Amino acid sequence: MSRRPDAPAAARVRRLLSEHYSLDVRDVVAVGDGADRAASVWQATGHDGRVYAVKLTTGGCPAGLVLADRFALARPGATPRPVRTAAGTLWATVAGARLSVTEWVDGRSAADVGLSERQWIEYGRVLAALHGLPVEGEPARRVPRETFDPGHWVDCFDRVDARLADLAAGDDLLTHLVATWNGRRSDLRVVRDRTVRLGRSLATRAAPTARVCCHADAHLGNVVVTGPESVALFDFDDAVLAPPERDLMFVLGGGVWAEELIDERQQDAFLRGYGSRTPDRQLLAYYRGLRTLEDVADPATVVLDVSAPREDRAANLGYVTATVAAGALLDQALRSE
C-alpha cells in the first residue's frame, strides 16, 4: 500500500483520535489509494507502540462495524476488531462523516500476492464462519436486509448510458470511455435488463430466500494474507443480510477481475474450506449483473466529470475497462442463469 505525508490531515486525525477515542498517537500516515472515493484511511501509531487503522468515510453502512465487531469476537483473527470510542460506541460522527478505528493487522493484500492453496482453504473457512454467524441481536437489528431491488445501480447505469450516447466530443479519456462502452453496449444492456427481471423474480419467490451475514464486497482486494495458513477479511462497509451467493460470486465462476481470474483449482480449494454447496444460479446471476452495473456506471461517472483530477479519471477508466474485458465480470454475467 502506498503511503504519503499530509501534515494538515495528520494533525486533524490526531485531534479527532484524542477527542473521540482518548488516543494519543505520535505518527499518522495516509494509506492506500483504493477505489472507495468516499473514504480516507490512515495508519496511526500510539506512543505505547500500538498501531491502528483509522477510517473516515461518508459511504457504506455503519452497521458493518456492528457485524465486524461480532465476527471478530466469534473468530479472532478473521477480521480486525473495531476499537470503541471514549463513549463506548463503534464509531463517531464527524461533520457528516463516520470515523472508525480498528486494530492494525500486518499483512499483504491478496490482490497483490495471491493466495496459496492453504490460504484459499482458510478463506473458505473464514467466509463459512461469517455466513454461520447467528442473525440475532445487533446484527439483526442494524444490518440492512437484501431486498433484490437493483434500482440504484440501474438508474446510475441508465444515466451514464444516455450521456455517452449523446456525447459528441471530449478529451482522450472520454474518447476512450465512449469507445469502450460502445464496444460492449449491447451486452451491458442485456445484463441490465436481466438484472431487473431477476430482481423482480427473486423478490416475489414463493419460498423466502434465507439471509445470512454477508460482507458483500468480498473480492481479493479486501482479503489480507496474515500468515502461511491465515487470512483476514477487511472493510465491512457494504455488509448486508443476504443469501450466501452475495459473497460467493466473488469466487465462484472466476471472481470479478479479468487480470486475476480465480481458476478451478483455487475455487475447489476455497470450497474445501467453505463446505459443499450447490449455489443458486439465479442468485449468482443477479449478483453478477448487479455488480457489473455498479462496476461500470460508478467509475464511468468519475470519467465523465472533467473537473475531477485527471489521475482519478484515468484510474476509474481502468476500472470500466477491466470490468468489460474478455472473460471478466461482464462476460461472467452474460454466461449466468
Protein backbone atom coordinates (compact mmCIF):
# COMPACT_ATOMS: atom_id res chain seq x y z
CA MET A 1 0.00 0.00 0.00
CA SER A 2 1.27 3.46 -0.84
CA ARG A 3 1.85 5.94 1.93
CA ARG A 4 2.07 9.68 1.62
CA PRO A 5 2.65 12.54 4.04
CA ASP A 6 -0.09 15.09 4.62
CA ALA A 7 0.69 17.23 7.64
CA PRO A 8 -2.64 19.11 7.92
CA ALA A 9 -4.67 15.90 7.55
CA ALA A 10 -2.42 14.07 10.02
CA ALA A 11 -2.87 16.83 12.57
CA ARG A 12 -6.64 16.62 12.16
CA VAL A 13 -6.59 12.85 12.62
CA ARG A 14 -4.56 13.22 15.81
CA ARG A 15 -7.07 15.74 17.12
CA LEU A 16 -10.06 13.54 16.25
CA LEU A 17 -8.50 10.48 17.85
CA SER A 18 -7.80 12.43 21.02
CA GLU A 19 -11.27 13.97 21.08
CA HIS A 20 -13.36 10.90 20.25
CA TYR A 21 -11.17 7.97 21.32
CA SER A 22 -8.90 9.42 24.01
CA LEU A 23 -5.99 8.06 21.94
CA ASP A 24 -2.68 9.89 21.96
CA VAL A 25 -0.79 8.99 18.79
CA ARG A 26 2.67 10.05 17.64
CA ASP A 27 2.59 9.09 13.95
CA VAL A 28 -0.22 9.34 11.41
CA VAL A 29 0.35 8.30 7.79
CA ALA A 30 -2.19 8.18 4.97
CA VAL A 31 -2.54 4.70 3.49
CA GLY A 32 -3.58 3.42 0.10
CA ASP A 33 -5.32 4.77 -2.97
CA GLY A 34 -8.25 2.41 -3.31
CA ALA A 35 -11.40 2.63 -5.38
CA ASP A 36 -13.52 3.91 -2.48
CA ARG A 37 -13.73 7.64 -3.18
CA ALA A 38 -15.84 8.23 -0.07
CA ALA A 39 -13.14 7.06 2.34
CA SER A 40 -9.75 8.12 3.65
CA VAL A 41 -7.60 5.71 5.65
CA TRP A 42 -4.59 6.30 7.91
CA GLN A 43 -2.20 4.23 9.95
CA ALA A 44 -1.80 5.71 13.43
CA THR A 45 0.86 4.67 15.93
CA GLY A 46 0.44 5.41 19.62
CA HIS A 47 3.20 6.40 21.98
CA ASP A 48 2.79 2.94 23.51
CA GLY A 49 3.63 1.33 20.16
CA ARG A 50 0.13 0.11 19.40
CA VAL A 51 -0.91 0.58 15.77
CA TYR A 52 -4.38 1.41 14.48
CA ALA A 53 -6.20 1.76 11.18
CA VAL A 54 -8.26 4.96 11.11
CA LYS A 55 -11.02 5.45 8.58
CA LEU A 56 -13.14 8.49 7.78
CA THR A 57 -15.93 7.81 5.29
CA THR A 58 -19.23 9.15 4.03
CA GLY A 59 -20.11 5.88 2.29
CA GLY A 60 -21.09 2.37 3.17
CA CYS A 61 -23.15 1.17 6.08
CA PRO A 62 -22.22 1.97 9.68
CA ALA A 63 -23.84 -1.29 10.71
CA GLY A 64 -20.91 -3.01 9.03
CA LEU A 65 -18.90 -2.14 12.13
CA VAL A 66 -21.51 -3.95 14.22
CA LEU A 67 -21.04 -7.06 12.11
CA ALA A 68 -17.24 -6.75 12.09
CA ASP A 69 -17.23 -6.46 15.88
CA ARG A 70 -19.41 -9.55 16.26
CA PHE A 71 -17.32 -11.51 13.76
CA ALA A 72 -14.01 -10.56 15.37
CA LEU A 73 -15.29 -11.84 18.71
CA ALA A 74 -16.62 -15.07 17.19
CA ARG A 75 -13.50 -15.81 15.11
CA PRO A 76 -10.41 -13.95 16.37
CA GLY A 77 -8.01 -13.05 13.59
CA ALA A 78 -10.63 -13.31 10.83
CA THR A 79 -11.12 -9.54 10.80
CA PRO A 80 -9.64 -6.66 12.80
CA ARG A 81 -11.84 -5.73 15.72
CA PRO A 82 -13.17 -2.16 15.89
CA VAL A 83 -11.91 -0.03 18.75
CA ARG A 84 -14.70 1.64 20.71
CA THR A 85 -14.83 5.39 21.22
CA ALA A 86 -14.42 7.01 24.60
CA ALA A 87 -18.23 6.98 24.77
CA GLY A 88 -18.33 3.23 24.13
CA THR A 89 -19.66 3.36 20.56
CA LEU A 90 -18.24 1.66 17.46
CA TRP A 91 -17.85 4.90 15.52
CA ALA A 92 -18.07 8.65 15.90
CA THR A 93 -19.84 11.09 13.58
CA VAL A 94 -17.60 13.94 12.44
CA ALA A 95 -19.05 16.64 10.18
CA GLY A 96 -21.38 14.16 8.50
CA ALA A 97 -18.67 11.51 8.09
CA ARG A 98 -18.14 8.30 10.05
CA LEU A 99 -14.90 7.97 11.98
CA SER A 100 -13.84 4.46 12.98
CA VAL A 101 -10.72 2.83 14.37
CA THR A 102 -9.68 -0.80 14.19
CA GLU A 103 -6.68 -2.75 15.33
CA TRP A 104 -3.93 -2.68 12.70
CA VAL A 105 -3.29 -6.08 11.14
CA ASP A 106 0.04 -6.68 9.40
CA GLY A 107 -0.15 -8.47 6.10
CA ARG A 108 -0.33 -8.02 2.34
CA SER A 109 -3.34 -7.73 0.09
CA ALA A 110 -4.34 -10.99 -1.56
CA ALA A 111 -4.89 -8.95 -4.73
CA ASP A 112 -1.15 -8.24 -4.74
CA VAL A 113 0.36 -11.53 -3.60
CA GLY A 114 -2.35 -14.09 -4.36
CA LEU A 115 -3.38 -16.98 -2.12
CA SER A 116 -1.73 -20.34 -1.70
CA GLU A 117 -3.86 -23.49 -1.64
CA ARG A 118 -3.86 -23.49 2.16
CA GLN A 119 -4.84 -19.82 2.22
CA TRP A 120 -7.71 -20.45 -0.22
CA ILE A 121 -8.95 -23.18 2.09
CA GLU A 122 -8.71 -20.81 5.04
CA TYR A 123 -10.52 -18.08 3.12
CA GLY A 124 -13.34 -20.57 2.56
CA ARG A 125 -13.43 -21.25 6.29
CA VAL A 126 -13.50 -17.54 7.08
CA LEU A 127 -16.49 -16.90 4.80
CA ALA A 128 -18.25 -20.00 6.11
CA ALA A 129 -17.79 -18.71 9.66
CA LEU A 130 -19.18 -15.31 8.69
CA HIS A 131 -22.19 -16.89 6.99
CA GLY A 132 -22.69 -19.10 10.02
CA LEU A 133 -23.00 -16.23 12.49
CA PRO A 134 -26.42 -16.20 14.18
CA VAL A 135 -28.61 -13.47 12.70
CA GLU A 136 -29.67 -12.06 16.04
CA GLY A 137 -29.09 -9.15 18.37
CA GLU A 138 -27.43 -6.03 16.98
CA PRO A 139 -26.63 -7.50 13.54
CA ALA A 140 -30.29 -8.47 13.07
CA ARG A 141 -31.43 -5.00 14.11
CA ARG A 142 -28.81 -2.87 12.40
CA VAL A 143 -27.50 -4.64 9.27
CA PRO A 144 -29.65 -3.96 6.15
CA ARG A 145 -31.58 -6.84 4.56
CA GLU A 146 -31.40 -7.74 0.90
CA THR A 147 -34.49 -6.52 -0.99
CA PHE A 148 -33.49 -7.53 -4.53
CA ASP A 149 -34.12 -4.01 -5.73
CA PRO A 150 -31.38 -3.05 -8.23
CA GLY A 151 -32.91 0.38 -8.81
CA HIS A 152 -29.99 2.48 -7.61
CA TRP A 153 -27.40 0.95 -9.93
CA VAL A 154 -29.85 0.54 -12.80
CA ASP A 155 -30.64 4.26 -12.63
CA CYS A 156 -26.93 5.12 -12.43
CA PHE A 157 -26.22 2.90 -15.43
CA ASP A 158 -29.06 4.44 -17.43
CA ARG A 159 -27.81 7.98 -16.77
CA VAL A 160 -24.30 7.10 -17.93
CA ASP A 161 -25.58 5.18 -20.95
CA ALA A 162 -27.72 8.14 -22.03
CA ARG A 163 -24.88 10.62 -21.61
CA LEU A 164 -22.44 8.52 -23.58
CA ALA A 165 -24.96 8.00 -26.38
CA ASP A 166 -25.17 11.80 -26.87
CA LEU A 167 -21.51 12.64 -26.21
CA ALA A 168 -20.08 14.23 -29.32
CA ALA A 169 -16.53 15.08 -28.29
CA GLY A 170 -14.21 15.24 -25.32
CA ASP A 171 -10.67 14.67 -24.13
CA ASP A 172 -8.75 11.44 -24.67
CA LEU A 173 -10.19 9.83 -21.54
CA LEU A 174 -13.75 10.48 -22.68
CA THR A 175 -12.91 9.25 -26.15
CA HIS A 176 -11.56 6.02 -24.67
CA LEU A 177 -14.60 5.64 -22.41
CA VAL A 178 -17.04 6.10 -25.29
CA ALA A 179 -15.18 3.55 -27.41
CA THR A 180 -15.03 1.03 -24.56
CA TRP A 181 -18.69 1.49 -23.67
CA ASN A 182 -19.92 1.37 -27.25
CA GLY A 183 -17.93 -1.79 -27.84
CA ARG A 184 -19.96 -3.61 -25.15
CA ARG A 185 -23.16 -1.52 -25.04
CA SER A 186 -25.48 -4.25 -26.29
CA ASP A 187 -24.04 -6.76 -23.80
CA LEU A 188 -24.29 -4.25 -20.97
CA ARG A 189 -27.93 -3.62 -21.79
CA VAL A 190 -28.65 -7.36 -21.83
CA VAL A 191 -27.19 -7.64 -18.32
CA ARG A 192 -29.06 -4.51 -17.20
CA ASP A 193 -32.45 -5.87 -18.34
CA ARG A 194 -31.78 -9.36 -16.98
CA THR A 195 -30.80 -7.95 -13.57
CA VAL A 196 -34.07 -6.03 -13.36
CA ARG A 197 -36.03 -9.14 -14.31
CA LEU A 198 -34.14 -11.36 -11.86
CA GLY A 199 -34.62 -8.86 -9.06
CA ARG A 200 -38.38 -8.93 -9.54
CA SER A 201 -38.40 -12.72 -9.67
CA LEU A 202 -36.28 -13.13 -6.55
CA ALA A 203 -38.28 -10.57 -4.58
CA THR A 204 -41.51 -12.48 -5.24
CA ARG A 205 -40.29 -16.05 -4.76
CA ALA A 206 -42.91 -18.26 -3.15
CA ALA A 207 -40.36 -19.67 -0.70
CA PRO A 208 -38.49 -16.96 1.24
CA THR A 209 -34.78 -16.82 0.45
CA ALA A 210 -32.62 -17.36 3.54
CA ARG A 211 -30.41 -14.45 4.62
CA VAL A 212 -27.03 -14.79 6.34
CA CYS A 213 -24.43 -12.26 7.44
CA CYS A 214 -22.60 -11.20 4.26
CA HIS A 215 -19.59 -8.98 3.67
CA ALA A 216 -20.94 -8.03 0.19
CA ASP A 217 -17.57 -6.82 -1.19
CA ALA A 218 -15.51 -9.95 -0.65
CA HIS A 219 -13.06 -9.61 -3.54
CA LEU A 220 -9.36 -10.29 -3.04
CA GLY A 221 -8.63 -6.60 -2.51
CA ASN A 222 -10.43 -6.89 0.83
CA VAL A 223 -8.57 -10.05 1.87
CA VAL A 224 -5.22 -9.70 3.63
CA VAL A 225 -2.71 -12.53 3.92
CA THR A 226 -1.61 -12.65 7.55
CA GLY A 227 0.33 -15.91 7.61
CA PRO A 228 1.12 -19.14 5.72
CA GLU A 229 -2.32 -20.53 6.57
CA SER A 230 -4.23 -17.44 7.66
CA VAL A 231 -6.15 -14.61 6.03
CA ALA A 232 -8.30 -11.76 7.31
CA LEU A 233 -11.32 -10.08 5.77
CA PHE A 234 -11.43 -6.27 5.82
CA ASP A 235 -13.87 -3.44 5.14
CA PHE A 236 -17.43 -4.38 6.09
CA ASP A 237 -18.89 -1.09 4.84
CA ASP A 238 -21.30 -2.88 2.47
CA ALA A 239 -22.44 -5.53 4.98
CA VAL A 240 -25.90 -6.95 4.35
CA LEU A 241 -28.12 -9.82 5.43
CA ALA A 242 -28.41 -11.72 2.16
CA PRO A 243 -28.13 -15.16 0.60
CA PRO A 244 -24.57 -16.60 0.71
CA GLU A 245 -24.32 -16.11 -3.06
CA ARG A 246 -23.88 -12.40 -2.34
CA ASP A 247 -20.31 -13.25 -1.27
CA LEU A 248 -19.74 -16.46 -3.21
CA MET A 249 -20.00 -14.62 -6.53
CA PHE A 250 -16.58 -13.11 -5.81
CA VAL A 251 -15.02 -16.60 -6.03
CA LEU A 252 -17.27 -18.96 -7.98
CA GLY A 253 -17.16 -18.54 -11.74
CA GLY A 254 -13.77 -16.84 -11.69
CA GLY A 255 -14.19 -13.77 -9.50
CA VAL A 256 -14.51 -10.19 -10.71
CA TRP A 257 -11.09 -9.20 -12.09
CA ALA A 258 -10.03 -10.17 -15.60
CA GLU A 259 -6.34 -9.95 -14.76
CA GLU A 260 -6.72 -12.23 -11.72
CA LEU A 261 -9.41 -14.75 -12.60
CA ILE A 262 -9.85 -17.46 -9.99
CA ASP A 263 -9.22 -20.83 -11.61
CA GLU A 264 -10.98 -24.11 -10.88
CA ARG A 265 -8.18 -25.38 -8.64
CA GLN A 266 -8.44 -22.26 -6.46
CA GLN A 267 -12.23 -22.48 -6.38
CA ASP A 268 -12.01 -26.13 -5.33
CA ALA A 269 -9.61 -25.22 -2.51
CA PHE A 270 -11.95 -22.46 -1.37
CA LEU A 271 -14.89 -24.87 -1.33
CA ARG A 272 -12.89 -27.40 0.70
CA GLY A 273 -12.75 -24.75 3.38
CA TYR A 274 -16.22 -23.32 2.86
CA GLY A 275 -18.03 -26.64 2.63
CA SER A 276 -20.03 -28.42 0.00
CA ARG A 277 -22.69 -26.22 -1.51
CA THR A 278 -24.70 -26.08 -4.72
CA PRO A 279 -25.15 -22.36 -5.36
CA ASP A 280 -28.44 -20.93 -6.59
CA ARG A 281 -27.81 -19.99 -10.23
CA GLN A 282 -30.47 -17.27 -10.25
CA LEU A 283 -28.93 -15.60 -7.23
CA LEU A 284 -25.43 -15.75 -8.69
CA ALA A 285 -26.73 -14.30 -11.96
CA TYR A 286 -28.49 -11.47 -10.14
CA TYR A 287 -25.47 -10.53 -8.06
CA ARG A 288 -23.07 -10.73 -11.01
CA GLY A 289 -25.37 -8.49 -13.00
CA LEU A 290 -25.77 -6.03 -10.17
CA ARG A 291 -22.02 -5.84 -9.61
CA THR A 292 -21.42 -5.36 -13.34
CA LEU A 293 -23.74 -2.35 -13.40
CA GLU A 294 -22.00 -0.87 -10.36
CA ASP A 295 -18.50 -1.53 -11.69
CA VAL A 296 -19.13 0.23 -14.99
CA ALA A 297 -21.54 3.01 -14.01
CA ASP A 298 -19.88 4.28 -10.85
CA PRO A 299 -16.36 4.72 -12.28
CA ALA A 300 -17.74 5.99 -15.61
CA THR A 301 -19.41 8.81 -13.68
CA VAL A 302 -15.98 9.91 -12.49
CA VAL A 303 -14.50 9.79 -16.00
CA LEU A 304 -17.39 11.96 -17.24
CA ASP A 305 -16.58 14.59 -14.61
CA VAL A 306 -13.98 16.67 -16.44
CA SER A 307 -13.45 18.77 -13.28
CA ALA A 308 -12.12 15.73 -11.39
CA PRO A 309 -8.32 15.20 -11.18
CA ARG A 310 -7.02 13.51 -14.30
CA GLU A 311 -5.33 10.73 -12.33
CA ASP A 312 -8.64 9.86 -10.67
CA ARG A 313 -10.44 9.85 -14.01
CA ALA A 314 -7.75 7.66 -15.57
CA ALA A 315 -7.88 5.18 -12.70
CA ASN A 316 -11.66 4.92 -12.98
CA LEU A 317 -11.45 4.45 -16.72
CA GLY A 318 -9.26 1.47 -15.89
CA TYR A 319 -12.00 0.03 -13.67
CA VAL A 320 -14.53 0.26 -16.51
CA THR A 321 -12.12 -1.33 -18.97
CA ALA A 322 -11.31 -4.17 -16.56
CA THR A 323 -14.98 -4.95 -15.96
CA VAL A 324 -15.80 -5.35 -19.67
CA ALA A 325 -12.53 -7.12 -20.58
CA ALA A 326 -12.75 -10.57 -22.13
CA GLY A 327 -13.54 -13.19 -19.51
CA ALA A 328 -14.11 -10.64 -16.73
CA LEU A 329 -17.26 -9.76 -14.83
CA LEU A 330 -19.42 -8.67 -17.78
CA ASP A 331 -18.75 -11.92 -19.62
CA GLN A 332 -19.43 -13.93 -16.47
CA ALA A 333 -22.73 -12.08 -16.03
CA LEU A 334 -23.66 -12.85 -19.64
CA ARG A 335 -22.97 -16.55 -19.09
CA SER A 336 -25.00 -16.69 -15.86
CA GLU A 337 -28.51 -18.07 -15.38
